[in-house]
């Protein structure tokens, strides 16, 4: 699952964390593309990419990681 965030979206409930863990058991991954570096919930994601308009190579790295 790819989440694109331009702001911190608060705490992730334990119910959601549990569902994420069950999905990981089925080899699903959770990837965050952070637009503003304000997200404080990066620990819930398997990969974190910070978008930088001056270095758009991050989008290529993100695409490669999603394969």
N, C-alpha and C. Protein backbone atom coordinates (compact mmCIF):
# COMPACT_ATOMS: atom_id res chain seq x y z
N UNK A 1 0.84 -1.15 0.00
CA UNK A 1 0.00 0.00 0.00
C UNK A 1 0.90 1.23 0.00
N UNK A 2 0.59 2.16 -0.85
CA UNK A 2 1.32 3.42 -0.91
C UNK A 2 0.46 4.51 -0.29
N UNK A 3 1.01 5.19 0.70
CA UNK A 3 0.34 6.32 1.33
C UNK A 3 1.13 7.57 0.98
N UNK A 4 0.44 8.57 0.45
CA UNK A 4 1.07 9.85 0.14
C UNK A 4 0.51 10.86 1.13
N UNK A 5 1.41 11.50 1.87
CA UNK A 5 0.98 12.40 2.93
C UNK A 5 1.63 13.77 2.78
N UNK A 6 0.84 14.81 2.98
CA UNK A 6 1.38 16.16 2.99
C UNK A 6 1.25 16.80 4.37
N UNK A 7 1.00 15.98 5.35
CA UNK A 7 0.82 16.47 6.72
C UNK A 7 0.88 15.27 7.67
N UNK A 8 1.08 15.51 8.92
CA UNK A 8 1.01 14.44 9.91
C UNK A 8 -0.45 14.04 10.07
N UNK A 9 -0.75 12.76 10.04
CA UNK A 9 -2.14 12.32 10.16
C UNK A 9 -2.43 11.70 11.52
N UNK A 10 -1.63 12.02 12.50
CA UNK A 10 -1.93 11.59 13.86
C UNK A 10 -1.56 10.15 14.15
N UNK A 11 -1.96 9.71 15.29
CA UNK A 11 -1.67 8.35 15.73
C UNK A 11 -2.47 7.34 14.92
N UNK A 12 -1.87 6.19 14.71
CA UNK A 12 -2.54 5.08 14.05
C UNK A 12 -3.10 4.19 15.15
N UNK A 13 -4.39 3.87 15.06
CA UNK A 13 -5.02 3.08 16.12
C UNK A 13 -4.44 1.68 16.16
N UNK A 14 -4.53 1.05 17.32
CA UNK A 14 -4.05 -0.32 17.48
C UNK A 14 -4.81 -1.28 16.58
N UNK A 15 -6.06 -0.98 16.31
CA UNK A 15 -6.86 -1.82 15.40
C UNK A 15 -6.25 -1.79 14.00
N UNK A 16 -5.88 -0.61 13.53
CA UNK A 16 -5.27 -0.48 12.21
C UNK A 16 -3.88 -1.14 12.19
N UNK A 17 -3.10 -0.93 13.25
CA UNK A 17 -1.77 -1.54 13.34
C UNK A 17 -1.90 -3.07 13.27
N UNK A 18 -2.88 -3.61 13.94
CA UNK A 18 -3.11 -5.05 13.91
C UNK A 18 -3.45 -5.54 12.50
N UNK A 19 -4.27 -4.78 11.81
CA UNK A 19 -4.63 -5.13 10.43
C UNK A 19 -3.41 -5.03 9.51
N UNK A 20 -2.58 -4.03 9.74
CA UNK A 20 -1.35 -3.89 8.96
C UNK A 20 -0.44 -5.10 9.19
N UNK A 21 -0.31 -5.50 10.43
CA UNK A 21 0.54 -6.66 10.75
C UNK A 21 0.02 -7.93 10.08
N UNK A 22 -1.30 -8.11 10.06
CA UNK A 22 -1.87 -9.29 9.38
C UNK A 22 -1.58 -9.24 7.89
N UNK A 23 -1.62 -8.07 7.31
CA UNK A 23 -1.31 -7.93 5.89
C UNK A 23 0.17 -8.21 5.62
N UNK A 24 1.04 -7.80 6.53
CA UNK A 24 2.47 -8.10 6.38
C UNK A 24 2.72 -9.60 6.39
N UNK A 25 1.95 -10.34 7.17
CA UNK A 25 2.08 -11.80 7.20
C UNK A 25 1.79 -12.39 5.83
N UNK A 26 1.03 -11.69 5.01
CA UNK A 26 0.70 -12.13 3.66
C UNK A 26 1.61 -11.45 2.63
N UNK A 27 2.75 -10.97 3.11
CA UNK A 27 3.79 -10.36 2.28
C UNK A 27 3.39 -9.04 1.65
N UNK A 28 2.44 -8.33 2.24
CA UNK A 28 2.11 -6.98 1.79
C UNK A 28 3.03 -5.99 2.49
N UNK A 29 3.27 -4.86 1.86
CA UNK A 29 4.14 -3.84 2.43
C UNK A 29 3.41 -2.50 2.48
N UNK A 30 3.89 -1.64 3.35
CA UNK A 30 3.32 -0.31 3.51
C UNK A 30 4.43 0.72 3.29
N UNK A 31 4.19 1.60 2.32
CA UNK A 31 5.21 2.56 1.91
C UNK A 31 4.62 3.96 2.06
N UNK A 32 5.41 4.88 2.62
CA UNK A 32 4.98 6.26 2.81
C UNK A 32 5.80 7.17 1.92
N UNK A 33 5.11 7.98 1.11
CA UNK A 33 5.75 9.07 0.38
C UNK A 33 5.34 10.35 1.10
N UNK A 34 6.29 10.94 1.78
CA UNK A 34 6.07 12.10 2.62
C UNK A 34 6.42 13.35 1.82
N UNK A 35 5.46 14.22 1.63
CA UNK A 35 5.67 15.42 0.82
C UNK A 35 6.30 16.54 1.63
N UNK A 36 5.98 16.64 2.90
CA UNK A 36 6.41 17.80 3.70
C UNK A 36 7.32 17.48 4.86
N UNK A 37 7.64 16.22 5.09
CA UNK A 37 8.47 15.78 6.21
C UNK A 37 7.83 16.10 7.56
N UNK A 38 6.50 16.17 7.59
CA UNK A 38 5.80 16.46 8.83
C UNK A 38 5.18 15.21 9.46
N UNK A 39 5.21 14.11 8.74
CA UNK A 39 4.58 12.90 9.26
C UNK A 39 5.41 12.33 10.40
N UNK A 40 4.77 12.13 11.52
CA UNK A 40 5.44 11.56 12.69
C UNK A 40 5.15 10.07 12.82
N UNK A 41 4.48 9.51 11.84
CA UNK A 41 4.06 8.11 11.92
C UNK A 41 4.88 7.21 11.02
N UNK A 42 6.09 7.64 10.66
CA UNK A 42 6.88 6.85 9.71
C UNK A 42 7.23 5.46 10.25
N UNK A 43 7.23 5.30 11.55
CA UNK A 43 7.56 4.01 12.14
C UNK A 43 6.58 2.90 11.81
N UNK A 44 5.40 3.24 11.35
CA UNK A 44 4.40 2.25 11.00
C UNK A 44 4.61 1.68 9.60
N UNK A 45 5.48 2.32 8.84
CA UNK A 45 5.66 1.94 7.44
C UNK A 45 6.95 1.16 7.25
N UNK A 46 6.93 0.29 6.24
CA UNK A 46 8.10 -0.52 5.94
C UNK A 46 9.18 0.31 5.25
N UNK A 47 8.77 1.27 4.45
CA UNK A 47 9.70 2.17 3.77
C UNK A 47 9.14 3.58 3.85
N UNK A 48 10.04 4.54 3.92
CA UNK A 48 9.67 5.95 3.98
C UNK A 48 10.49 6.70 2.94
N UNK A 49 9.80 7.40 2.07
CA UNK A 49 10.46 8.22 1.06
C UNK A 49 10.04 9.66 1.28
N UNK A 50 11.02 10.56 1.27
CA UNK A 50 10.74 11.98 1.41
C UNK A 50 10.87 12.63 0.05
N UNK A 51 9.78 13.20 -0.42
CA UNK A 51 9.79 13.88 -1.71
C UNK A 51 10.56 15.18 -1.59
N UNK A 52 11.44 15.41 -2.55
CA UNK A 52 12.22 16.63 -2.59
C UNK A 52 12.15 17.14 -4.02
N UNK A 53 11.51 18.28 -4.22
CA UNK A 53 11.32 18.79 -5.58
C UNK A 53 12.64 19.08 -6.29
N UNK A 54 13.72 19.22 -5.54
CA UNK A 54 15.03 19.47 -6.14
C UNK A 54 15.74 18.17 -6.50
N UNK A 55 15.24 17.05 -5.99
CA UNK A 55 15.85 15.76 -6.26
C UNK A 55 14.73 14.75 -6.54
N UNK A 56 14.19 14.78 -7.74
CA UNK A 56 13.05 13.93 -8.07
C UNK A 56 13.45 12.47 -8.26
N UNK A 57 14.73 12.15 -8.11
CA UNK A 57 15.16 10.75 -8.21
C UNK A 57 14.45 9.89 -7.19
N UNK A 58 13.98 10.50 -6.10
CA UNK A 58 13.27 9.74 -5.08
C UNK A 58 12.05 9.05 -5.67
N UNK A 59 11.43 9.66 -6.69
CA UNK A 59 10.26 9.04 -7.30
C UNK A 59 10.65 7.77 -8.06
N UNK A 60 11.81 7.77 -8.69
CA UNK A 60 12.30 6.57 -9.35
C UNK A 60 12.62 5.48 -8.34
N UNK A 61 13.22 5.86 -7.22
CA UNK A 61 13.53 4.90 -6.15
C UNK A 61 12.24 4.32 -5.60
N UNK A 62 11.23 5.15 -5.43
CA UNK A 62 9.94 4.69 -4.93
C UNK A 62 9.32 3.71 -5.92
N UNK A 63 9.32 4.06 -7.19
CA UNK A 63 8.75 3.16 -8.20
C UNK A 63 9.47 1.83 -8.22
N UNK A 64 10.78 1.86 -8.12
CA UNK A 64 11.57 0.62 -8.10
C UNK A 64 11.22 -0.23 -6.87
N UNK A 65 11.03 0.41 -5.75
CA UNK A 65 10.71 -0.30 -4.51
C UNK A 65 9.34 -0.95 -4.55
N UNK A 66 8.42 -0.38 -5.31
CA UNK A 66 7.06 -0.91 -5.37
C UNK A 66 6.94 -2.13 -6.27
N UNK A 67 7.96 -2.43 -7.03
CA UNK A 67 7.91 -3.60 -7.93
C UNK A 67 8.02 -4.88 -7.19
